[in-house]
């Protein structure tokens, strides 16, 4: 069974991957890290709606691409409730 690809992130941000076979669930750290680095507000909202808070926080801690300031901002923004406001 081929699961439909979710829209979380602009395909251009995952340019080096074959998106026909890319697994958004198994590769959650890659997707979350890209959204945190380069995503727009819509992509941040999609990320929060698709992935669990635990997955996002785990990725923030794991990421070698995000510097300390970016990690702190991501945690603040994630917990501020702004993403859930419409």
PDB file of N, CA and C in Angstrom:
ATOM      1  N   UNK A   1       0.843  -1.177   0.000  1.00  0.00           N
ATOM      2  CA  UNK A   1       0.000   0.000   0.000  1.00  0.00           C
ATOM      3  C   UNK A   1       0.889   1.243   0.000  1.00  0.00           C
ATOM      4  N   UNK A   2       0.648   2.143  -0.925  1.00  0.00           N
ATOM      5  CA  UNK A   2       1.444   3.354  -1.040  1.00  0.00           C
ATOM      6  C   UNK A   2       0.702   4.506  -0.379  1.00  0.00           C
ATOM      7  N   UNK A   3       1.218   4.972   0.728  1.00  0.00           N
ATOM      8  CA  UNK A   3       0.606   6.060   1.489  1.00  0.00           C
ATOM      9  C   UNK A   3       0.784   7.383   0.747  1.00  0.00           C
ATOM     10  N   UNK A   4      -0.273   8.180   0.687  1.00  0.00           N
ATOM     11  CA  UNK A   4      -0.194   9.483   0.024  1.00  0.00           C
ATOM     12  C   UNK A   4       0.778  10.389   0.759  1.00  0.00           C
ATOM     13  N   UNK A   5       1.578  11.092  -0.004  1.00  0.00           N
ATOM     14  CA  UNK A   5       2.585  11.977   0.564  1.00  0.00           C
ATOM     15  C   UNK A   5       1.921  13.186   1.209  1.00  0.00           C
ATOM     16  N   UNK A   6       2.235  13.447   2.472  1.00  0.00           N
ATOM     17  CA  UNK A   6       1.625  14.607   3.146  1.00  0.00           C
ATOM     18  C   UNK A   6       2.267  15.899   2.666  1.00  0.00           C
ATOM     19  N   UNK A   7       1.515  16.983   2.685  1.00  0.00           N
ATOM     20  CA  UNK A   7       2.135  18.278   2.408  1.00  0.00           C
ATOM     21  C   UNK A   7       2.536  18.880   3.747  1.00  0.00           C
ATOM     22  N   UNK A   8       3.814  18.883   3.986  1.00  0.00           N
ATOM     23  CA  UNK A   8       4.362  19.468   5.201  1.00  0.00           C
ATOM     24  C   UNK A   8       5.303  20.604   4.811  1.00  0.00           C
ATOM     25  N   UNK A   9       6.048  20.358   3.760  1.00  0.00           N
ATOM     26  CA  UNK A   9       7.170  21.210   3.417  1.00  0.00           C
ATOM     27  C   UNK A   9       7.247  21.335   1.893  1.00  0.00           C
ATOM     28  N   UNK A  10       7.701  22.459   1.425  1.00  0.00           N
ATOM     29  CA  UNK A  10       7.917  22.656   0.001  1.00  0.00           C
ATOM     30  C   UNK A  10       8.935  21.623  -0.485  1.00  0.00           C
ATOM     31  N   UNK A  11       8.608  20.954  -1.575  1.00  0.00           N
ATOM     32  CA  UNK A  11       9.495  19.917  -2.119  1.00  0.00           C
ATOM     33  C   UNK A  11      10.912  20.421  -2.374  1.00  0.00           C
ATOM     34  N   UNK A  12      11.054  21.701  -2.690  1.00  0.00           N
ATOM     35  CA  UNK A  12      12.374  22.261  -2.979  1.00  0.00           C
ATOM     36  C   UNK A  12      13.306  22.181  -1.770  1.00  0.00           C
ATOM     37  N   UNK A  13      12.752  22.148  -0.557  1.00  0.00           N
ATOM     38  CA  UNK A  13      13.591  22.075   0.645  1.00  0.00           C
ATOM     39  C   UNK A  13      14.144  20.673   0.885  1.00  0.00           C
ATOM     40  N   UNK A  14      13.633  19.703   0.142  1.00  0.00           N
ATOM     41  CA  UNK A  14      14.145  18.329   0.220  1.00  0.00           C
ATOM     42  C   UNK A  14      14.692  17.927  -1.149  1.00  0.00           C
ATOM     43  N   UNK A  15      15.349  18.864  -1.805  1.00  0.00           N
ATOM     44  CA  UNK A  15      15.774  18.712  -3.187  1.00  0.00           C
ATOM     45  C   UNK A  15      16.637  17.481  -3.447  1.00  0.00           C
ATOM     46  N   UNK A  16      17.410  17.030  -2.475  1.00  0.00           N
ATOM     47  CA  UNK A  16      18.357  15.946  -2.723  1.00  0.00           C
ATOM     48  C   UNK A  16      17.759  14.551  -2.526  1.00  0.00           C
ATOM     49  N   UNK A  17      16.484  14.480  -2.169  1.00  0.00           N
ATOM     50  CA  UNK A  17      15.821  13.203  -1.915  1.00  0.00           C
ATOM     51  C   UNK A  17      14.834  12.864  -3.030  1.00  0.00           C
ATOM     52  N   UNK A  18      14.639  11.572  -3.269  1.00  0.00           N
ATOM     53  CA  UNK A  18      13.613  11.106  -4.195  1.00  0.00           C
ATOM     54  C   UNK A  18      12.297  11.106  -3.426  1.00  0.00           C
ATOM     55  N   UNK A  19      11.467  12.081  -3.671  1.00  0.00           N
ATOM     56  CA  UNK A  19      10.248  12.254  -2.878  1.00  0.00           C
ATOM     57  C   UNK A  19       9.173  11.220  -3.202  1.00  0.00           C
ATOM     58  N   UNK A  20       9.356  10.466  -4.288  1.00  0.00           N
ATOM     59  CA  UNK A  20       8.421   9.382  -4.583  1.00  0.00           C
ATOM     60  C   UNK A  20       8.617   8.225  -3.610  1.00  0.00           C
ATOM     61  N   UNK A  21       9.808   8.114  -3.044  1.00  0.00           N
ATOM     62  CA  UNK A  21      10.091   7.028  -2.099  1.00  0.00           C
ATOM     63  C   UNK A  21      10.428   7.533  -0.697  1.00  0.00           C
ATOM     64  N   UNK A  22      10.471   8.837  -0.514  1.00  0.00           N
ATOM     65  CA  UNK A  22      10.830   9.432   0.772  1.00  0.00           C
ATOM     66  C   UNK A  22       9.765   9.109   1.814  1.00  0.00           C
ATOM     67  N   UNK A  23      10.193   8.673   2.990  1.00  0.00           N
ATOM     68  CA  UNK A  23       9.268   8.321   4.065  1.00  0.00           C
ATOM     69  C   UNK A  23       9.270   9.448   5.101  1.00  0.00           C
ATOM     70  N   UNK A  24       8.190  10.215   5.111  1.00  0.00           N
ATOM     71  CA  UNK A  24       8.082  11.370   6.004  1.00  0.00           C
ATOM     72  C   UNK A  24       8.009  10.965   7.473  1.00  0.00           C
ATOM     73  N   UNK A  25       7.577   9.748   7.738  1.00  0.00           N
ATOM     74  CA  UNK A  25       7.487   9.288   9.122  1.00  0.00           C
ATOM     75  C   UNK A  25       8.842   8.809   9.634  1.00  0.00           C
ATOM     76  N   UNK A  26       9.526   7.987   8.860  1.00  0.00           N
ATOM     77  CA  UNK A  26      10.828   7.481   9.293  1.00  0.00           C
ATOM     78  C   UNK A  26      11.901   8.564   9.271  1.00  0.00           C
ATOM     79  N   UNK A  27      11.758   9.517   8.367  1.00  0.00           N
ATOM     80  CA  UNK A  27      12.762  10.576   8.211  1.00  0.00           C
ATOM     81  C   UNK A  27      12.302  11.885   8.840  1.00  0.00           C
ATOM     82  N   UNK A  28      11.560  11.773   9.928  1.00  0.00           N
ATOM     83  CA  UNK A  28      10.978  12.963  10.543  1.00  0.00           C
ATOM     84  C   UNK A  28      12.016  13.998  10.946  1.00  0.00           C
ATOM     85  N   UNK A  29      13.199  13.562  11.372  1.00  0.00           N
ATOM     86  CA  UNK A  29      14.216  14.522  11.808  1.00  0.00           C
ATOM     87  C   UNK A  29      14.686  15.404  10.659  1.00  0.00           C
ATOM     88  N   UNK A  30      14.801  14.815   9.484  1.00  0.00           N
ATOM     89  CA  UNK A  30      15.225  15.583   8.313  1.00  0.00           C
ATOM     90  C   UNK A  30      14.179  16.640   7.975  1.00  0.00           C
ATOM     91  N   UNK A  31      12.917  16.230   7.934  1.00  0.00           N
ATOM     92  CA  UNK A  31      11.834  17.148   7.581  1.00  0.00           C
ATOM     93  C   UNK A  31      11.712  18.263   8.622  1.00  0.00           C
ATOM     94  N   UNK A  32      11.692  17.888   9.877  1.00  0.00           N
ATOM     95  CA  UNK A  32      11.542  18.884  10.948  1.00  0.00           C
ATOM     96  C   UNK A  32      12.709  19.862  10.931  1.00  0.00           C
ATOM     97  N   UNK A  33      13.914  19.353  10.783  1.00  0.00           N
ATOM     98  CA  UNK A  33      15.087  20.226  10.762  1.00  0.00           C
ATOM     99  C   UNK A  33      15.000  21.229   9.610  1.00  0.00           C
ATOM    100  N   UNK A  34      14.575  20.785   8.433  1.00  0.00           N
ATOM    101  CA  UNK A  34      14.442  21.687   7.281  1.00  0.00           C
ATOM    102  C   UNK A  34      13.379  22.750   7.537  1.00  0.00           C
ATOM    103  N   UNK A  35      12.264  22.352   8.131  1.00  0.00           N
ATOM    104  CA  UNK A  35      11.212  23.332   8.426  1.00  0.00           C
ATOM    105  C   UNK A  35      11.731  24.352   9.432  1.00  0.00           C
ATOM    106  N   UNK A  36      12.420  23.885  10.466  1.00  0.00           N
ATOM    107  CA  UNK A  36      12.951  24.804  11.469  1.00  0.00           C
ATOM    108  C   UNK A  36      13.975  25.752  10.862  1.00  0.00           C
ATOM    109  N   UNK A  37      14.766  25.273   9.917  1.00  0.00           N
ATOM    110  CA  UNK A  37      15.801  26.099   9.298  1.00  0.00           C
ATOM    111  C   UNK A  37      15.245  27.065   8.264  1.00  0.00           C
ATOM    112  N   UNK A  38      14.367  26.565   7.397  1.00  0.00           N
ATOM    113  CA  UNK A  38      14.004  27.344   6.210  1.00  0.00           C
ATOM    114  C   UNK A  38      12.512  27.439   5.941  1.00  0.00           C
ATOM    115  N   UNK A  39      11.705  26.870   6.809  1.00  0.00           N
ATOM    116  CA  UNK A  39      10.276  26.847   6.548  1.00  0.00           C
ATOM    117  C   UNK A  39       9.581  28.163   6.830  1.00  0.00           C
ATOM    118  N   UNK A  40       8.453  28.337   6.164  1.00  0.00           N
ATOM    119  CA  UNK A  40       7.627  29.518   6.424  1.00  0.00           C
ATOM    120  C   UNK A  40       6.596  29.171   7.499  1.00  0.00           C
ATOM    121  N   UNK A  41       5.763  30.119   7.855  1.00  0.00           N
ATOM    122  CA  UNK A  41       4.795  29.910   8.936  1.00  0.00           C
ATOM    123  C   UNK A  41       3.830  28.762   8.620  1.00  0.00           C
ATOM    124  N   UNK A  42       3.387  28.673   7.380  1.00  0.00           N
ATOM    125  CA  UNK A  42       2.489  27.576   6.987  1.00  0.00           C
ATOM    126  C   UNK A  42       3.171  26.221   7.177  1.00  0.00           C
ATOM    127  N   UNK A  43       4.430  26.121   6.806  1.00  0.00           N
ATOM    128  CA  UNK A  43       5.164  24.865   6.967  1.00  0.00           C
ATOM    129  C   UNK A  43       5.383  24.543   8.446  1.00  0.00           C
ATOM    130  N   UNK A  44       5.617  25.562   9.266  1.00  0.00           N
ATOM    131  CA  UNK A  44       5.730  25.336  10.711  1.00  0.00           C
ATOM    132  C   UNK A  44       4.415  24.767  11.241  1.00  0.00           C
ATOM    133  N   UNK A  45       3.292  25.348  10.820  1.00  0.00           N
ATOM    134  CA  UNK A  45       1.982  24.840  11.266  1.00  0.00           C
ATOM    135  C   UNK A  45       1.750  23.422  10.784  1.00  0.00           C
ATOM    136  N   UNK A  46       2.094  23.135   9.539  1.00  0.00           N
ATOM    137  CA  UNK A  46       1.950  21.774   9.012  1.00  0.00           C
ATOM    138  C   UNK A  46       2.795  20.793   9.811  1.00  0.00           C
ATOM    139  N   UNK A  47       4.009  21.208  10.147  1.00  0.00           N
ATOM    140  CA  UNK A  47       4.908  20.356  10.924  1.00  0.00           C
ATOM    141  C   UNK A  47       4.295  20.027  12.288  1.00  0.00           C
ATOM    142  N   UNK A  48       3.774  21.052  12.967  1.00  0.00           N
ATOM    143  CA  UNK A  48       3.186  20.867  14.298  1.00  0.00           C
ATOM    144  C   UNK A  48       1.939  19.981  14.234  1.00  0.00           C
ATOM    145  N   UNK A  49       1.192  20.085  13.150  1.00  0.00           N
ATOM    146  CA  UNK A  49      -0.008  19.263  12.997  1.00  0.00           C
ATOM    147  C   UNK A  49       0.308  17.833  12.603  1.00  0.00           C
ATOM    148  N   UNK A  50       1.434  17.596  11.951  1.00  0.00           N
ATOM    149  CA  UNK A  50       1.776  16.252  11.472  1.00  0.00           C
ATOM    150  C   UNK A  50       2.618  15.473  12.485  1.00  0.00           C
ATOM    151  N   UNK A  51       3.603  16.138  13.072  1.00  0.00           N
ATOM    152  CA  UNK A  51       4.514  15.466  13.999  1.00  0.00           C
ATOM    153  C   UNK A  51       4.139  15.788  15.445  1.00  0.00           C
ATOM    154  N   UNK A  52       4.558  14.906  16.344  1.00  0.00           N
ATOM    155  CA  UNK A  52       4.282  15.139  17.757  1.00  0.00           C
ATOM    156  C   UNK A  52       5.267  16.170  18.316  1.00  0.00           C
ATOM    157  N   UNK A  53       4.860  16.790  19.398  1.00  0.00           N
ATOM    158  CA  UNK A  53       5.733  17.743  20.083  1.00  0.00           C
ATOM    159  C   UNK A  53       7.033  17.053  20.500  1.00  0.00           C
ATOM    160  N   UNK A  54       6.928  15.799  20.914  1.00  0.00           N
ATOM    161  CA  UNK A  54       8.113  15.044  21.331  1.00  0.00           C
ATOM    162  C   UNK A  54       9.080  14.854  20.166  1.00  0.00           C
ATOM    163  N   UNK A  55       8.556  14.557  18.966  1.00  0.00           N
ATOM    164  CA  UNK A  55       9.422  14.391  17.798  1.00  0.00           C
ATOM    165  C   UNK A  55      10.123  15.702  17.455  1.00  0.00           C
ATOM    166  N   UNK A  56       9.408  16.796  17.554  1.00  0.00           N
ATOM    167  CA  UNK A  56       9.989  18.095  17.226  1.00  0.00           C
ATOM    168  C   UNK A  56      11.063  18.469  18.245  1.00  0.00           C
ATOM    169  N   UNK A  57      10.772  18.301  19.522  1.00  0.00           N
ATOM    170  CA  UNK A  57      11.766  18.612  20.562  1.00  0.00           C
ATOM    171  C   UNK A  57      12.983  17.697  20.463  1.00  0.00           C
ATOM    172  N   UNK A  58      12.764  16.423  20.155  1.00  0.00           N
ATOM    173  CA  UNK A  58      13.876  15.478  19.972  1.00  0.00           C
ATOM    174  C   UNK A  58      14.770  15.931  18.823  1.00  0.00           C
ATOM    175  N   UNK A  59      14.153  16.393  17.746  1.00  0.00           N
ATOM    176  CA  UNK A  59      14.911  16.858  16.588  1.00  0.00           C
ATOM    177  C   UNK A  59      15.704  18.110  16.919  1.00  0.00           C
ATOM    178  N   UNK A  60      15.105  19.025  17.656  1.00  0.00           N
ATOM    179  CA  UNK A  60      15.809  20.248  18.052  1.00  0.00           C
ATOM    180  C   UNK A  60      17.060  19.882  18.856  1.00  0.00           C
ATOM    181  N   UNK A  61      16.919  18.963  19.783  1.00  0.00           N
ATOM    182  CA  UNK A  61      18.059  18.537  20.604  1.00  0.00           C
ATOM    183  C   UNK A  61      19.109  17.818  19.754  1.00  0.00           C
ATOM    184  N   UNK A  62      18.673  16.987  18.811  1.00  0.00           N
ATOM    185  CA  UNK A  62      19.548  16.165  17.965  1.00  0.00           C
ATOM    186  C   UNK A  62      20.313  16.982  16.932  1.00  0.00           C
ATOM    187  N   UNK A  63      19.716  18.031  16.418  1.00  0.00           N
ATOM    188  CA  UNK A  63      20.238  18.745  15.249  1.00  0.00           C
ATOM    189  C   UNK A  63      21.604  19.370  15.478  1.00  0.00           C
ATOM    190  N   UNK A  64      22.513  19.085  14.555  1.00  0.00           N
ATOM    191  CA  UNK A  64      23.817  19.732  14.542  1.00  0.00           C
ATOM    192  C   UNK A  64      23.788  20.956  13.616  1.00  0.00           C
ATOM    193  N   UNK A  65      22.718  21.101  12.836  1.00  0.00           N
ATOM    194  CA  UNK A  65      22.588  22.206  11.891  1.00  0.00           C
ATOM    195  C   UNK A  65      22.048  23.479  12.550  1.00  0.00           C
ATOM    196  N   UNK A  66      21.273  23.313  13.613  1.00  0.00           N
ATOM    197  CA  UNK A  66      20.699  24.463  14.308  1.00  0.00           C
ATOM    198  C   UNK A  66      21.664  24.930  15.392  1.00  0.00           C
ATOM    199  N   UNK A  67      21.938  26.239  15.413  1.00  0.00           N
ATOM    200  CA  UNK A  67      22.800  26.742  16.488  1.00  0.00           C
ATOM    201  C   UNK A  67      21.962  26.963  17.752  1.00  0.00           C
ATOM    202  N   UNK A  68      22.617  27.326  18.830  1.00  0.00           N
ATOM    203  CA  UNK A  68      21.942  27.478  20.131  1.00  0.00           C
ATOM    204  C   UNK A  68      20.788  28.477  20.053  1.00  0.00           C
ATOM    205  N   UNK A  69      21.007  29.602  19.405  1.00  0.00           N
ATOM    206  CA  UNK A  69      19.965  30.628  19.283  1.00  0.00           C
ATOM    207  C   UNK A  69      18.751  30.100  18.519  1.00  0.00           C
ATOM    208  N   UNK A  70      19.001  29.400  17.415  1.00  0.00           N
ATOM    209  CA  UNK A  70      17.906  28.839  16.618  1.00  0.00           C
ATOM    210  C   UNK A  70      17.140  27.777  17.407  1.00  0.00           C
ATOM    211  N   UNK A  71      17.851  26.989  18.179  1.00  0.00           N
ATOM    212  CA  UNK A  71      17.195  25.964  18.999  1.00  0.00           C
ATOM    213  C   UNK A  71      16.309  26.616  20.062  1.00  0.00           C
ATOM    214  N   UNK A  72      16.847  27.638  20.718  1.00  0.00           N
ATOM    215  CA  UNK A  72      16.071  28.319  21.760  1.00  0.00           C
ATOM    216  C   UNK A  72      14.841  29.009  21.166  1.00  0.00           C
ATOM    217  N   UNK A  73      14.996  29.646  20.004  1.00  0.00           N
ATOM    218  CA  UNK A  73      13.869  30.291  19.351  1.00  0.00           C
ATOM    219  C   UNK A  73      12.817  29.257  18.952  1.00  0.00           C
ATOM    220  N   UNK A  74      13.253  28.136  18.401  1.00  0.00           N
ATOM    221  CA  UNK A  74      12.326  27.086  17.968  1.00  0.00           C
ATOM    222  C   UNK A  74      11.521  26.554  19.141  1.00  0.00           C
ATOM    223  N   UNK A  75      12.177  26.325  20.261  1.00  0.00           N
ATOM    224  CA  UNK A  75      11.479  25.836  21.450  1.00  0.00           C
ATOM    225  C   UNK A  75      10.492  26.891  21.943  1.00  0.00           C
ATOM    226  N   UNK A  76      10.915  28.140  21.991  1.00  0.00           N
ATOM    227  CA  UNK A  76      10.027  29.218  22.422  1.00  0.00           C
ATOM    228  C   UNK A  76       8.809  29.325  21.514  1.00  0.00           C
ATOM    229  N   UNK A  77       9.034  29.348  20.206  1.00  0.00           N
ATOM    230  CA  UNK A  77       7.949  29.509  19.249  1.00  0.00           C
ATOM    231  C   UNK A  77       7.000  28.320  19.308  1.00  0.00           C
ATOM    232  N   UNK A  78       7.551  27.128  19.453  1.00  0.00           N
ATOM    233  CA  UNK A  78       6.752  25.911  19.524  1.00  0.00           C
ATOM    234  C   UNK A  78       5.850  25.907  20.750  1.00  0.00           C
ATOM    235  N   UNK A  79       6.355  26.404  21.863  1.00  0.00           N
ATOM    236  CA  UNK A  79       5.590  26.361  23.111  1.00  0.00           C
ATOM    237  C   UNK A  79       4.761  27.624  23.357  1.00  0.00           C
ATOM    238  N   UNK A  80       4.889  28.621  22.478  1.00  0.00           N
ATOM    239  CA  UNK A  80       4.177  29.889  22.682  1.00  0.00           C
ATOM    240  C   UNK A  80       2.692  29.819  22.389  1.00  0.00           C
ATOM    241  N   UNK A  81       2.280  28.831  21.612  1.00  0.00           N
ATOM    242  CA  UNK A  81       0.875  28.733  21.229  1.00  0.00           C
ATOM    243  C   UNK A  81       0.544  29.526  19.988  1.00  0.00           C
ATOM    244  N   UNK A  82       1.488  30.284  19.464  1.00  0.00           N
ATOM    245  CA  UNK A  82       1.238  31.107  18.281  1.00  0.00           C
ATOM    246  C   UNK A  82       0.879  30.258  17.063  1.00  0.00           C
ATOM    247  N   UNK A  83       1.487  29.100  16.944  1.00  0.00           N
ATOM    248  CA  UNK A  83       1.241  28.238  15.777  1.00  0.00           C
ATOM    249  C   UNK A  83      -0.194  27.726  15.732  1.00  0.00           C
ATOM    250  N   UNK A  84      -0.843  27.645  16.866  1.00  0.00           N
ATOM    251  CA  UNK A  84      -2.218  27.140  16.909  1.00  0.00           C
ATOM    252  C   UNK A  84      -3.234  28.250  16.740  1.00  0.00           C
ATOM    253  N   UNK A  85      -2.783  29.486  16.815  1.00  0.00           N
ATOM    254  CA  UNK A  85      -3.701  30.619  16.621  1.00  0.00           C
ATOM    255  C   UNK A  85      -3.982  30.782  15.134  1.00  0.00           C
ATOM    256  N   UNK A  86      -5.225  31.022  14.804  1.00  0.00           N
ATOM    257  CA  UNK A  86      -5.555  31.141  13.381  1.00  0.00           C
ATOM    258  C   UNK A  86      -5.812  32.586  13.001  1.00  0.00           C
TER     259      UNK A  86
END
